[in-house]
């Protein structure tokens, strides 16, 4: 998830653009899609979270459920083998990411497009402390990862290690670590639980 989730949110969130789910997922009812979409969240946030999906061909947003709190989730992407939720302040970035991905741009080009939009002022900076959540449907990866966006932060400024805890996270130890320290994409990876270690991210 480090690369795919990250790129898509601080891009950080990029590699799976989480566009409309594959046919198997689309066969679900809307209620089932919503129930699965909110699983990465803590119990108190699930009932009020907005749930959306994106059209793979156009990048157009479709709202499956209007939300009443500060969080938005995307319909599970079984192709990317993950489900993501994030602070609503990150939704404009997700919209742009979906549009650029639908245009056939590579993850690197999507990231560059997002950075350019921020530089131009058409996309707001990532708020310090904004949260994203990923549930991965792959036993080779940490199952549940929460990510806190901390643009510009360093280990010295916020007191978080920069040494990866992925293996311990897979073992369910749940220690956080800082990635992309000192950059606009700096983010804290917070493994909530894990599974037995094997190859993969």
Protein backbone atom coordinates (compact mmCIF):
# COMPACT_ATOMS: atom_id res chain seq x y z
CA UNK A 1 0.00 0.00 0.00
CA UNK A 2 2.84 2.40 0.49
CA UNK A 3 2.99 3.22 -3.22
CA UNK A 4 -0.61 2.79 -4.30
CA UNK A 5 -2.33 4.26 -1.32
CA UNK A 6 0.19 6.94 -0.87
CA UNK A 7 0.05 8.17 -4.35
CA UNK A 8 -3.62 8.52 -4.27
CA UNK A 9 -3.71 10.68 -1.28
CA UNK A 10 -0.69 12.75 -0.95
CA UNK A 11 0.38 10.98 -3.72
CA UNK A 12 0.82 9.21 -1.74
CA UNK A 13 -2.66 7.78 -2.58
CA UNK A 14 -1.65 6.93 -6.56
CA UNK A 15 -1.20 3.50 -7.87
CA UNK A 16 -4.74 2.31 -7.93
CA UNK A 17 -6.88 5.16 -8.96
CA UNK A 18 -9.84 3.37 -7.44
CA UNK A 19 -12.05 3.93 -10.41
CA UNK A 20 -15.25 2.00 -10.80
CA UNK A 21 -14.91 -1.47 -9.38
CA UNK A 22 -14.62 -4.49 -11.66
CA UNK A 23 -17.62 -6.43 -12.82
CA UNK A 24 -17.65 -8.72 -9.80
CA UNK A 25 -17.89 -5.80 -7.42
CA UNK A 26 -20.48 -4.04 -9.60
CA UNK A 27 -22.70 -7.09 -9.22
CA UNK A 28 -23.14 -6.11 -5.59
CA UNK A 29 -26.17 -4.13 -4.57
CA UNK A 30 -25.61 -0.50 -3.63
CA UNK A 31 -26.21 -1.39 0.01
CA UNK A 32 -23.53 -4.09 -0.16
CA UNK A 33 -21.06 -1.72 -1.82
CA UNK A 34 -21.66 0.84 0.91
CA UNK A 35 -21.29 -1.71 3.70
CA UNK A 36 -17.97 -2.91 2.27
CA UNK A 37 -16.69 0.59 1.48
CA UNK A 38 -16.78 1.81 5.08
CA UNK A 39 -14.97 -1.19 6.59
CA UNK A 40 -11.57 0.60 6.88
CA UNK A 41 -13.09 3.12 9.30
CA UNK A 42 -13.55 3.02 13.06
CA UNK A 43 -17.08 2.08 14.06
CA UNK A 44 -18.12 5.62 15.01
CA UNK A 45 -17.34 7.00 11.53
CA UNK A 46 -19.01 4.32 9.40
CA UNK A 47 -22.66 5.34 9.57
CA UNK A 48 -22.03 8.94 8.50
CA UNK A 49 -19.36 8.44 5.84
CA UNK A 50 -20.11 9.39 2.25
CA UNK A 51 -19.55 6.62 -0.30
CA UNK A 52 -18.60 7.27 -3.91
CA UNK A 53 -17.34 5.48 -7.00
CA UNK A 54 -15.71 6.73 -10.20
CA UNK A 55 -16.46 5.81 -13.79
CA UNK A 56 -13.41 4.09 -15.26
CA UNK A 57 -13.89 5.56 -18.74
CA UNK A 58 -14.51 9.18 -17.80
CA UNK A 59 -13.42 9.62 -14.19
CA UNK A 60 -16.87 10.98 -13.35
CA UNK A 61 -17.85 10.79 -9.69
CA UNK A 62 -20.99 8.93 -8.67
CA UNK A 63 -22.33 9.30 -5.13
CA UNK A 64 -23.67 6.05 -3.71
CA UNK A 65 -24.50 7.62 -0.36
CA UNK A 66 -24.39 11.20 0.85
CA UNK A 67 -22.44 11.55 4.08
CA UNK A 68 -23.08 13.40 7.30
CA UNK A 69 -19.56 13.44 8.76
CA UNK A 70 -16.04 14.39 7.70
CA UNK A 71 -15.09 11.17 5.89
CA UNK A 72 -15.56 9.77 2.39
CA UNK A 73 -15.04 6.20 1.17
CA UNK A 74 -14.73 4.67 -2.28
CA UNK A 75 -16.51 1.55 -3.42
CA UNK A 76 -14.04 -1.38 -3.00
CA UNK A 77 -11.54 -1.80 -5.83
CA UNK A 78 -10.91 -5.53 -6.08
CA UNK A 79 -8.52 -5.02 -8.99
CA UNK A 80 -6.25 -2.99 -6.73
CA UNK A 81 -7.28 -5.34 -3.89
CA UNK A 82 -8.02 -2.54 -1.46
CA UNK A 83 -10.74 -0.31 -0.08
CA UNK A 84 -9.95 3.30 0.84
CA UNK A 85 -11.52 6.08 2.88
CA UNK A 86 -10.16 9.55 3.58
CA UNK A 87 -10.94 12.98 5.00
CA UNK A 88 -13.40 14.87 2.78
CA UNK A 89 -10.78 17.60 2.41
CA UNK A 90 -8.95 15.15 0.12
CA UNK A 91 -11.95 14.56 -2.16
CA UNK A 92 -10.95 17.20 -4.79
CA UNK A 93 -7.61 15.43 -5.15
CA UNK A 94 -9.39 12.12 -5.64
CA UNK A 95 -11.62 13.69 -8.30
CA UNK A 96 -8.59 14.98 -10.19
CA UNK A 97 -6.80 11.67 -9.81
CA UNK A 98 -9.77 9.80 -11.25
CA UNK A 99 -9.98 12.20 -14.20
CA UNK A 100 -6.28 11.94 -15.02
CA UNK A 101 -6.30 8.17 -14.67
CA UNK A 102 -9.30 7.91 -17.00
CA UNK A 103 -7.29 9.88 -19.55
CA UNK A 104 -4.78 7.04 -19.56
CA UNK A 105 -2.03 8.81 -17.65
CA UNK A 106 0.55 6.75 -15.77
CA UNK A 107 0.81 6.93 -11.95
CA UNK A 108 3.82 9.22 -12.36
CA UNK A 109 1.90 11.49 -14.72
CA UNK A 110 -1.05 11.53 -12.32
CA UNK A 111 1.25 12.54 -9.49
CA UNK A 112 2.78 15.27 -11.65
CA UNK A 113 -0.68 16.53 -12.59
CA UNK A 114 -1.71 16.73 -8.95
CA UNK A 115 1.50 18.56 -8.05
CA UNK A 116 0.97 21.00 -10.92
CA UNK A 117 -2.59 21.71 -9.79
CA UNK A 118 -1.34 22.45 -6.28
CA UNK A 119 1.37 24.77 -7.65
CA UNK A 120 -1.26 26.57 -9.74
CA UNK A 121 -3.56 26.97 -6.75
CA UNK A 122 -6.42 25.05 -8.38
CA UNK A 123 -6.01 22.24 -5.84
CA UNK A 124 -5.69 23.09 -2.17
CA UNK A 125 -2.70 21.83 -0.18
CA UNK A 126 -3.14 18.64 1.82
CA UNK A 127 -4.24 19.69 5.33
CA UNK A 128 -1.72 18.72 8.00
CA UNK A 129 -3.12 15.76 9.90
CA UNK A 130 -5.66 14.71 7.25
CA UNK A 131 -6.39 10.99 7.54
CA UNK A 132 -6.74 8.21 4.99
CA UNK A 133 -7.60 4.56 5.63
CA UNK A 134 -6.92 1.44 3.58
CA UNK A 135 -8.20 -2.10 3.96
CA UNK A 136 -6.22 -4.48 1.74
CA UNK A 137 -7.77 -7.69 0.44
CA UNK A 138 -4.42 -9.42 0.11
CA UNK A 139 -2.82 -11.54 2.81
CA UNK A 140 0.64 -10.48 1.63
CA UNK A 141 0.07 -6.92 2.83
CA UNK A 142 -0.82 -5.26 6.11
CA UNK A 143 -4.57 -5.70 6.22
CA UNK A 144 -5.62 -2.40 7.77
CA UNK A 145 -3.51 0.73 7.43
CA UNK A 146 -4.34 4.22 8.58
CA UNK A 147 -2.30 7.08 7.11
CA UNK A 148 -1.89 10.58 8.54
CA UNK A 149 -0.81 13.28 6.09
CA UNK A 150 1.89 15.50 7.62
CA UNK A 151 3.25 17.69 4.78
CA UNK A 152 6.80 18.85 5.44
CA UNK A 153 7.18 16.89 8.67
CA UNK A 154 10.44 15.25 9.69
CA UNK A 155 11.29 12.72 12.36
CA UNK A 156 12.78 15.54 14.40
CA UNK A 157 9.72 17.77 14.16
CA UNK A 158 7.08 15.21 15.10
CA UNK A 159 9.00 12.43 16.87
CA UNK A 160 8.15 9.52 14.57
CA UNK A 161 10.67 6.96 13.33
CA UNK A 162 11.51 6.81 9.64
CA UNK A 163 12.43 3.12 9.85
CA UNK A 164 9.78 0.98 8.15
CA UNK A 165 7.66 -1.14 10.46
CA UNK A 166 6.06 -3.10 7.62
CA UNK A 167 7.21 -6.51 8.82
CA UNK A 168 6.11 -5.80 12.38
CA UNK A 169 2.86 -4.43 10.98
CA UNK A 170 2.29 -7.69 9.15
CA UNK A 171 2.81 -9.44 12.47
CA UNK A 172 0.13 -7.24 14.06
CA UNK A 173 2.44 -5.07 16.20
CA UNK A 174 1.07 -1.81 14.87
CA UNK A 175 4.00 0.63 15.22
CA UNK A 176 3.83 3.82 13.10
CA UNK A 177 6.57 5.16 10.82
CA UNK A 178 7.13 8.29 8.73
CA UNK A 179 7.52 8.14 4.96
CA UNK A 180 8.67 10.87 2.52
CA UNK A 181 9.96 12.90 5.45
CA UNK A 182 10.46 16.62 4.81
CA UNK A 183 8.45 16.62 1.58
CA UNK A 184 4.92 17.80 0.72
CA UNK A 185 3.98 14.08 0.61
CA UNK A 186 5.20 13.23 4.12
CA UNK A 187 2.84 10.81 5.83
CA UNK A 188 2.73 8.55 8.87
CA UNK A 189 1.88 4.91 8.21
CA UNK A 190 -0.11 3.42 11.09
CA UNK A 191 -0.66 -0.35 10.83
CA UNK A 192 -3.76 -1.28 12.80
CA UNK A 193 -3.47 -5.04 12.45
CA UNK A 194 -1.64 -7.52 10.29
CA UNK A 195 -1.23 -11.00 9.00
CA UNK A 196 1.60 -13.46 8.59
CA UNK A 197 4.55 -12.04 6.65
CA UNK A 198 5.16 -12.90 3.02
CA UNK A 199 6.39 -11.06 -0.06
CA UNK A 200 4.61 -7.87 -1.14
CA UNK A 201 3.95 -4.40 0.20
